[in-house]
């Protein structure tokens, strides 16, 4: 087999169930050849079977992924395929400057650190209650993992209890991490947009009856705050608010669910690290960073070149698609020594790219950290033993967009 056919085979394997479940050996093969042409896959929000996959250059080295993520002028986040798809276009994720800056300022006014911080006490009560329901012995932790971010999102947005039940299904359908027919995926997306449009109408009517306030953060929920947000006379349109709600659900709830699963798996497979954290809770933040480097759910995102650009001695033409493999960059041995080992003492731990970099650094990072810290502390408080079982669980195998478990039995006692 020639080098080119080896490369083509590795690229093809990345989109198979086995490659999605364990892409890291394939990344090792492809990283030294990066960038590699001919990667074919679907961006999030498109619909396999209804939309065509894109053919892209794939970047696997840390320096290449970092630079492309930083250079938003050359590597555009706009996604014409998703814009043309029946699926709703994501807020912020698929926009470029100057529109991105205006949207982000407006959203940040409402989705503020102070508003997120308000959830801390509530999470401190919710998570132990959910663990009580989960119980002890051999248990599948993924249902619990999904409950935390979906319930937090409902609370943040000011939606009725029970709405969280649909969030996970909507997110899985949109992010391609569940196996559905094109018609089922389209129906799920339509239901999600209609539900948020309906909730927005309810909030708008309620706000019209209330006395106006100049402080957006005084709004009791995020949807109300988004309706009140204003920068230089500009406000978010109802459509933009619905798109932001969709973005929070599909990007926020699913990614955090998968991150919680990966963190619990790391605790179970590495009892020495777990013992260190039990003795010193200050290490929990470092553990989250290192687990995101080693097994961060976000594996790759697409960009489009806005000009001819040379990367790694190869010419990427204007208009060509480019796939940024954050999962591969995070295990690049040129940047991280012993990259396949979880090491809390790693000196450059915060260089991991799972939350993105530059203009598109994850807006919900503080919320995700708050949620996972509540989970880790509650798990350590409740259980003396956190261990793997003979059942290895089931990895997500529908899309390389995320690296995650959909079923994860652990022994908790």
Protein backbone atom coordinates (compact mmCIF):
# COMPACT_ATOMS: atom_id res chain seq x y z
CA UNK A 1 0.00 0.00 0.00
CA UNK A 2 1.45 3.39 -1.00
CA UNK A 3 1.60 6.34 1.36
CA UNK A 4 -1.21 8.09 -0.50
CA UNK A 5 -3.51 5.07 -0.27
CA UNK A 6 -2.60 4.69 3.43
CA UNK A 7 -3.56 8.31 3.96
CA UNK A 8 -6.82 7.89 2.04
CA UNK A 9 -7.64 4.80 4.10
CA UNK A 10 -7.00 6.63 7.40
CA UNK A 11 -9.21 9.54 6.28
CA UNK A 12 -12.03 7.15 5.35
CA UNK A 13 -11.73 5.31 8.66
CA UNK A 14 -12.27 8.61 10.52
CA UNK A 15 -15.91 8.59 9.43
CA UNK A 16 -16.58 4.92 10.31
CA UNK A 17 -18.06 3.80 13.64
CA UNK A 18 -14.72 2.42 14.85
CA UNK A 19 -12.84 5.57 13.81
CA UNK A 20 -15.36 7.84 15.55
CA UNK A 21 -15.21 5.72 18.73
CA UNK A 22 -11.38 5.82 18.83
CA UNK A 23 -9.90 8.37 16.40
CA UNK A 24 -6.59 8.86 18.22
CA UNK A 25 -4.51 6.18 16.44
CA UNK A 26 -5.73 7.63 13.11
CA UNK A 27 -4.76 11.14 14.22
CA UNK A 28 -1.25 9.82 14.94
CA UNK A 29 -1.02 8.52 11.37
CA UNK A 30 -2.35 11.69 9.79
CA UNK A 31 -0.69 14.34 11.95
CA UNK A 32 2.75 14.09 10.31
CA UNK A 33 1.13 14.45 6.86
CA UNK A 34 -1.04 17.43 7.85
CA UNK A 35 -2.73 19.19 6.17
CA UNK A 36 -4.40 16.32 4.31
CA UNK A 37 -6.81 16.84 1.41
CA UNK A 38 -9.97 14.82 0.76
CA UNK A 39 -11.68 14.54 4.16
CA UNK A 40 -15.45 14.11 3.59
CA UNK A 41 -17.97 14.68 6.37
CA UNK A 42 -21.02 16.71 7.47
CA UNK A 43 -20.86 19.99 9.41
CA UNK A 44 -23.16 20.19 12.48
CA UNK A 45 -26.68 21.24 11.62
CA UNK A 46 -26.65 19.69 8.16
CA UNK A 47 -28.66 16.55 7.55
CA UNK A 48 -26.97 13.42 6.17
CA UNK A 49 -29.18 11.98 3.48
CA UNK A 50 -30.71 15.38 2.73
CA UNK A 51 -27.52 17.48 2.53
CA UNK A 52 -24.28 16.52 0.80
CA UNK A 53 -21.08 16.07 2.85
CA UNK A 54 -18.29 18.59 2.30
CA UNK A 55 -14.84 17.71 1.01
CA UNK A 56 -12.20 19.48 3.07
CA UNK A 57 -8.56 19.90 3.92
CA UNK A 58 -7.96 18.40 7.37
CA UNK A 59 -5.55 20.01 9.86
CA UNK A 60 -4.19 17.68 12.55
CA UNK A 61 -1.13 19.47 13.99
CA UNK A 62 -1.43 21.77 17.00
CA UNK A 63 0.35 24.73 15.39
CA UNK A 64 -1.85 24.52 12.28
CA UNK A 65 -5.14 24.17 14.20
CA UNK A 66 -4.19 26.95 16.63
CA UNK A 67 -3.30 29.38 13.86
CA UNK A 68 -6.42 28.61 11.81
CA UNK A 69 -8.65 29.06 14.88
CA UNK A 70 -6.92 32.36 15.64
CA UNK A 71 -7.06 33.72 12.08
CA UNK A 72 -10.79 34.22 11.55
CA UNK A 73 -10.12 36.59 8.62
CA UNK A 74 -8.54 33.76 6.59
CA UNK A 75 -10.61 30.85 7.93
CA UNK A 76 -14.26 31.91 7.92
CA UNK A 77 -16.83 30.35 10.23
CA UNK A 78 -19.71 31.07 7.88
CA UNK A 79 -21.31 27.83 6.77
CA UNK A 80 -23.26 28.22 3.50
CA UNK A 81 -24.29 24.56 3.65
CA UNK A 82 -25.93 24.99 7.02
CA UNK A 83 -27.48 28.29 5.93
CA UNK A 84 -29.05 26.49 2.96
CA UNK A 85 -30.06 23.45 5.05
CA UNK A 86 -33.49 23.14 6.64
CA UNK A 87 -31.70 23.05 10.01
CA UNK A 88 -31.55 26.37 11.91
CA UNK A 89 -28.31 28.34 11.56
CA UNK A 90 -26.36 28.63 14.81
CA UNK A 91 -25.83 31.99 16.54
CA UNK A 92 -22.18 33.15 16.90
CA UNK A 93 -20.78 29.73 15.89
CA UNK A 94 -21.31 30.39 12.18
CA UNK A 95 -20.80 34.18 11.98
CA UNK A 96 -17.77 36.33 11.16
CA UNK A 97 -16.87 39.92 12.05
CA UNK A 98 -18.30 42.52 12.09
CA UNK A 99 -21.64 40.78 12.69
CA UNK A 100 -20.06 38.36 15.17
CA UNK A 101 -18.77 41.17 17.43
CA UNK A 102 -22.18 42.89 17.57
CA UNK A 103 -24.01 39.62 18.28
CA UNK A 104 -21.47 38.61 20.93
CA UNK A 105 -21.68 41.99 22.73
CA UNK A 106 -25.48 41.81 22.82
CA UNK A 107 -25.54 38.19 23.97
CA UNK A 108 -22.77 38.75 26.55
CA UNK A 109 -24.80 41.56 28.12
CA UNK A 110 -27.50 39.02 28.99
CA UNK A 111 -25.42 35.82 29.27
CA UNK A 112 -23.13 37.41 31.85
CA UNK A 113 -20.79 35.85 34.44
CA UNK A 114 -23.07 37.25 37.18
CA UNK A 115 -26.13 35.53 35.72
CA UNK A 116 -24.25 32.22 35.36
CA UNK A 117 -22.88 32.50 38.91
CA UNK A 118 -26.46 32.69 40.23
CA UNK A 119 -26.84 28.99 39.34
CA UNK A 120 -24.07 27.88 41.71
CA UNK A 121 -26.20 27.43 44.84
CA UNK A 122 -29.02 25.82 42.86
CA UNK A 123 -26.57 23.34 41.26
CA UNK A 124 -25.17 22.58 44.72
CA UNK A 125 -28.64 21.36 45.73
CA UNK A 126 -29.64 19.75 42.40
CA UNK A 127 -26.63 17.50 41.77
CA UNK A 128 -26.67 15.62 45.14
CA UNK A 129 -30.41 15.06 44.62
CA UNK A 130 -29.78 13.60 41.16
CA UNK A 131 -27.04 11.35 42.60
CA UNK A 132 -29.49 10.17 45.24
CA UNK A 133 -31.80 9.09 42.40
CA UNK A 134 -28.86 7.47 40.59
CA UNK A 135 -27.97 5.39 43.64
CA UNK A 136 -25.00 3.06 44.15
CA UNK A 137 -23.60 -0.15 42.68
CA UNK A 138 -23.19 -0.67 38.93
CA UNK A 139 -25.03 2.25 37.32
CA UNK A 140 -25.11 3.90 33.90
CA UNK A 141 -24.04 7.49 34.59
CA UNK A 142 -24.98 9.03 31.21
CA UNK A 143 -28.64 9.68 32.03
CA UNK A 144 -27.49 11.53 35.13
CA UNK A 145 -24.87 13.38 33.04
CA UNK A 146 -27.59 14.63 30.68
CA UNK A 147 -29.88 15.81 33.49
CA UNK A 148 -27.42 18.37 34.88
CA UNK A 149 -26.84 20.66 31.86
CA UNK A 150 -30.35 20.32 30.43
CA UNK A 151 -31.98 21.25 33.75
CA UNK A 152 -29.48 24.10 34.18
CA UNK A 153 -30.33 25.41 30.71
CA UNK A 154 -34.07 25.37 31.48
CA UNK A 155 -33.40 27.25 34.73
CA UNK A 156 -31.15 29.81 33.01
CA UNK A 157 -33.55 30.50 30.16
CA UNK A 158 -36.57 30.77 32.45
CA UNK A 159 -38.50 27.91 30.86
CA UNK A 160 -41.03 25.63 32.58
CA UNK A 161 -39.78 22.54 34.44
CA UNK A 162 -40.00 19.58 32.11
CA UNK A 163 -38.71 21.35 29.00
CA UNK A 164 -35.32 19.73 29.65
CA UNK A 165 -36.73 16.32 28.67
CA UNK A 166 -36.82 17.41 25.03
CA UNK A 167 -33.46 19.22 25.06
CA UNK A 168 -31.30 16.11 24.88
CA UNK A 169 -33.26 14.67 21.97
CA UNK A 170 -33.13 17.96 20.04
CA UNK A 171 -29.40 18.33 20.66
CA UNK A 172 -28.58 14.76 19.60
CA UNK A 173 -30.56 15.18 16.38
CA UNK A 174 -28.96 18.51 15.47
CA UNK A 175 -25.37 17.59 16.39
CA UNK A 176 -25.62 14.27 14.48
CA UNK A 177 -24.77 12.17 17.55
CA UNK A 178 -27.85 9.99 17.21
CA UNK A 179 -28.75 7.77 14.26
CA UNK A 180 -31.94 9.20 12.75
CA UNK A 181 -33.47 9.30 9.29
CA UNK A 182 -33.31 12.65 7.45
CA UNK A 183 -37.06 13.12 8.00
CA UNK A 184 -36.75 12.46 11.75
CA UNK A 185 -33.87 14.95 11.99
CA UNK A 186 -35.80 17.62 10.08
CA UNK A 187 -38.89 17.08 12.25
CA UNK A 188 -36.81 17.41 15.43
CA UNK A 189 -35.22 20.66 14.24
CA UNK A 190 -38.64 22.08 13.29
CA UNK A 191 -40.06 21.14 16.69
CA UNK A 192 -37.12 22.78 18.51
CA UNK A 193 -37.38 26.09 16.60
CA UNK A 194 -41.17 26.20 17.00
CA UNK A 195 -40.92 25.53 20.73
CA UNK A 196 -38.43 28.36 21.29
CA UNK A 197 -40.41 30.74 19.08
CA UNK A 198 -43.47 29.99 21.22
CA UNK A 199 -41.55 30.54 24.49
CA UNK A 200 -40.18 33.84 23.11
CA UNK A 201 -43.71 35.05 22.31
CA UNK A 202 -44.74 34.26 25.91
CA UNK A 203 -41.74 36.16 27.33
CA UNK A 204 -42.34 39.15 25.04
CA UNK A 205 -45.95 39.44 26.19
CA UNK A 206 -44.90 39.16 29.85
CA UNK A 207 -42.23 41.86 29.49
CA UNK A 208 -44.72 44.24 27.88
CA UNK A 209 -46.72 44.16 31.11
CA UNK A 210 -43.70 44.87 33.34
CA UNK A 211 -42.10 48.21 34.22
CA UNK A 212 -38.99 48.82 32.08
CA UNK A 213 -35.54 48.57 33.69
CA UNK A 214 -32.17 49.80 32.50
CA UNK A 215 -30.29 46.87 34.03
CA UNK A 216 -30.38 43.84 31.73
CA UNK A 217 -29.02 41.66 34.55
CA UNK A 218 -32.09 42.49 36.65
CA UNK A 219 -34.20 40.52 34.15
CA UNK A 220 -35.17 37.39 35.99
CA UNK A 221 -34.28 34.98 33.16
CA UNK A 222 -31.98 34.86 30.14
CA UNK A 223 -34.67 35.11 27.45
CA UNK A 224 -36.02 38.30 29.06
CA UNK A 225 -32.47 39.66 29.32
CA UNK A 226 -31.83 38.89 25.63
CA UNK A 227 -35.01 40.80 24.74
CA UNK A 228 -33.77 43.81 26.74
CA UNK A 229 -30.11 43.76 25.60
CA UNK A 230 -29.06 46.85 23.64
CA UNK A 231 -25.69 48.04 22.28
CA UNK A 232 -25.47 51.36 20.44
CA UNK A 233 -29.18 51.34 19.71
CA UNK A 234 -29.06 47.82 18.29
CA UNK A 235 -31.10 44.95 19.68
CA UNK A 236 -31.38 41.26 18.92
CA UNK A 237 -34.22 40.32 16.59
CA UNK A 238 -36.69 37.61 17.68
CA UNK A 239 -35.14 35.28 15.10
CA UNK A 240 -31.65 35.89 16.54
CA UNK A 241 -32.87 35.17 20.08
CA UNK A 242 -34.44 31.91 18.94
CA UNK A 243 -31.18 30.99 17.18
CA UNK A 244 -29.20 31.74 20.35
CA UNK A 245 -31.53 29.55 22.42
CA UNK A 246 -31.06 26.78 19.84
CA UNK A 247 -27.28 27.26 20.03
CA UNK A 248 -27.32 27.01 23.83
CA UNK A 249 -29.30 23.79 23.73
CA UNK A 250 -27.49 21.98 20.93
CA UNK A 251 -23.95 23.15 21.72
CA UNK A 252 -24.20 23.69 25.47
CA UNK A 253 -26.28 20.85 26.82
CA UNK A 254 -24.90 18.05 24.66
CA UNK A 255 -21.22 19.01 24.92
CA UNK A 256 -21.43 19.38 28.71
CA UNK A 257 -23.29 16.07 29.03
CA UNK A 258 -20.50 14.33 27.12
CA UNK A 259 -17.82 16.17 29.11
CA UNK A 260 -19.35 14.98 32.40
CA UNK A 261 -19.31 11.40 31.09
CA UNK A 262 -15.66 11.68 30.01
CA UNK A 263 -14.68 13.21 33.38
CA UNK A 264 -16.39 10.41 35.33
CA UNK A 265 -14.71 7.80 33.12
CA UNK A 266 -11.32 9.43 33.76
CA UNK A 267 -11.93 9.34 37.53
CA UNK A 268 -12.86 5.66 37.35
CA UNK A 269 -9.92 4.55 35.21
CA UNK A 270 -7.32 6.57 37.14
CA UNK A 271 -7.89 5.95 40.87
CA UNK A 272 -4.56 7.53 41.86
CA UNK A 273 -5.56 10.84 40.27
CA UNK A 274 -8.98 10.60 41.92
CA UNK A 275 -7.32 10.01 45.31
CA UNK A 276 -5.17 13.13 44.82
CA UNK A 277 -8.28 15.20 44.03
CA UNK A 278 -10.15 13.78 47.01
CA UNK A 279 -7.28 14.96 49.21
CA UNK A 280 -6.97 18.34 47.48
CA UNK A 281 -10.10 19.72 45.79
CA UNK A 282 -8.01 22.58 44.36
CA UNK A 283 -6.82 20.05 41.75
CA UNK A 284 -10.32 19.69 40.28
CA UNK A 285 -9.89 22.65 37.90
CA UNK A 286 -6.63 21.21 36.60
CA UNK A 287 -8.28 17.80 36.19
CA UNK A 288 -11.04 19.34 34.07
CA UNK A 289 -8.46 21.06 31.82
CA UNK A 290 -6.37 17.92 31.40
CA UNK A 291 -9.39 15.70 30.71
CA UNK A 292 -10.59 18.21 28.10
CA UNK A 293 -7.16 17.96 26.49
CA UNK A 294 -7.09 14.19 26.59
CA UNK A 295 -10.76 13.45 25.87
CA UNK A 296 -12.53 16.72 25.19
CA UNK A 297 -15.86 16.08 23.47
CA UNK A 298 -15.33 18.64 20.63
CA UNK A 299 -13.16 16.89 18.04
CA UNK A 300 -13.42 19.03 14.91
CA UNK A 301 -15.10 22.04 13.36
CA UNK A 302 -15.19 23.30 9.79
CA UNK A 303 -13.96 26.60 8.32
CA UNK A 304 -13.82 28.00 4.76
CA UNK A 305 -10.69 29.68 3.35
CA UNK A 306 -11.36 33.31 2.35
CA UNK A 307 -8.10 33.55 0.36
CA UNK A 308 -5.37 31.32 -1.00
CA UNK A 309 -3.22 30.32 1.97
CA UNK A 310 -0.21 28.03 2.42
CA UNK A 311 -0.33 25.66 5.41
CA UNK A 312 2.44 23.13 6.03
CA UNK A 313 3.83 23.69 2.53
CA UNK A 314 0.49 22.96 0.83
CA UNK A 315 -1.75 25.45 -0.92
CA UNK A 316 -5.34 25.76 0.29
CA UNK A 317 -7.37 27.69 -2.26
CA UNK A 318 -9.92 30.41 -1.56
CA UNK A 319 -13.37 28.83 -1.06
CA UNK A 320 -12.07 25.42 0.01
CA UNK A 321 -13.34 23.80 3.20
CA UNK A 322 -10.94 23.20 6.10
CA UNK A 323 -11.55 20.85 9.06
CA UNK A 324 -9.83 21.81 12.32
CA UNK A 325 -9.18 18.70 14.42
CA UNK A 326 -8.97 19.98 18.00
CA UNK A 327 -8.90 16.40 19.28
CA UNK A 328 -5.72 15.71 17.32
CA UNK A 329 -4.09 19.04 18.25
CA UNK A 330 -4.66 18.28 21.92
CA UNK A 331 -2.57 15.10 21.62
CA UNK A 332 0.22 16.52 19.46
CA UNK A 333 3.47 15.16 20.98
CA UNK A 334 5.37 18.24 19.74
CA UNK A 335 3.36 20.31 22.24
CA UNK A 336 2.31 17.87 24.98
CA UNK A 337 4.84 15.35 26.34
CA UNK A 338 3.39 11.83 26.76
CA UNK A 339 0.17 13.11 25.16
CA UNK A 340 -1.89 9.97 25.83
CA UNK A 341 -1.32 10.16 29.61
CA UNK A 342 -3.54 12.10 32.04
CA UNK A 343 -1.04 14.25 33.97
CA UNK A 344 -2.24 16.82 36.52
CA UNK A 345 1.31 18.22 36.75
CA UNK A 346 1.57 19.00 33.03
CA UNK A 347 3.12 22.50 32.81
CA UNK A 348 1.20 23.64 29.70
CA UNK A 349 -2.17 22.10 30.60
CA UNK A 350 -4.10 25.27 29.71
CA UNK A 351 -2.95 25.21 26.10
CA UNK A 352 -5.65 22.64 25.31
CA UNK A 353 -8.04 23.76 22.56
CA UNK A 354 -11.30 21.96 23.38
CA UNK A 355 -13.09 25.24 24.16
CA UNK A 356 -11.82 26.79 20.92
CA UNK A 357 -9.47 29.73 20.59
CA UNK A 358 -9.60 33.37 19.58
CA UNK A 359 -12.78 35.00 18.34
CA UNK A 360 -14.83 31.82 18.72
CA UNK A 361 -13.69 30.79 22.21
CA UNK A 362 -16.71 29.08 23.77
CA UNK A 363 -19.08 31.68 25.23
CA UNK A 364 -20.58 29.02 27.53
CA UNK A 365 -17.23 27.90 29.01
CA UNK A 366 -17.96 29.43 32.44
CA UNK A 367 -21.37 27.73 32.61
CA UNK A 368 -19.88 24.36 31.61
CA UNK A 369 -17.14 24.69 34.25
CA UNK A 370 -19.69 25.59 36.93
CA UNK A 371 -21.76 22.51 36.06
CA UNK A 372 -18.88 20.03 35.95
CA UNK A 373 -17.36 21.36 39.18
CA UNK A 374 -20.71 20.85 40.93
CA UNK A 375 -20.77 17.27 39.59
CA UNK A 376 -17.18 16.41 40.55
CA UNK A 377 -17.53 17.79 44.09
CA UNK A 378 -20.85 16.02 44.65
CA UNK A 379 -19.50 12.69 43.31
CA UNK A 380 -16.44 12.89 45.59
CA UNK A 381 -18.66 13.83 48.54
CA UNK A 382 -21.05 10.91 48.02
CA UNK A 383 -18.89 8.00 46.80
CA UNK A 384 -15.72 6.49 48.25
CA UNK A 385 -15.34 4.16 45.27
CA UNK A 386 -15.54 5.24 41.63
CA UNK A 387 -14.45 2.35 39.43
CA UNK A 388 -14.75 0.83 35.97
CA UNK A 389 -16.86 -2.30 35.46
CA UNK A 390 -16.42 -5.30 33.15
CA UNK A 391 -18.80 -3.53 30.76
CA UNK A 392 -16.78 -0.94 28.77
CA UNK A 393 -19.89 1.03 27.85
CA UNK A 394 -20.85 2.34 24.43
CA UNK A 395 -19.15 5.18 22.59
CA UNK A 396 -20.99 7.67 20.39
CA UNK A 397 -20.35 6.48 16.80
CA UNK A 398 -22.66 8.65 14.68
CA UNK A 399 -20.39 11.67 14.15
CA UNK A 400 -16.76 12.70 14.75
CA UNK A 401 -18.05 16.08 15.90
CA UNK A 402 -17.86 14.74 19.47
CA UNK A 403 -15.91 12.08 21.35
CA UNK A 404 -18.20 10.67 24.00
CA UNK A 405 -20.05 7.86 25.72
CA UNK A 406 -23.75 7.33 25.19
CA UNK A 407 -23.76 4.51 27.80
CA UNK A 408 -21.22 4.33 30.62
CA UNK A 409 -21.66 1.79 33.44
CA UNK A 410 -19.48 2.58 36.48
CA UNK A 411 -19.27 1.07 39.95
CA UNK A 412 -20.13 3.73 42.54
CA UNK A 413 -20.22 3.06 46.28
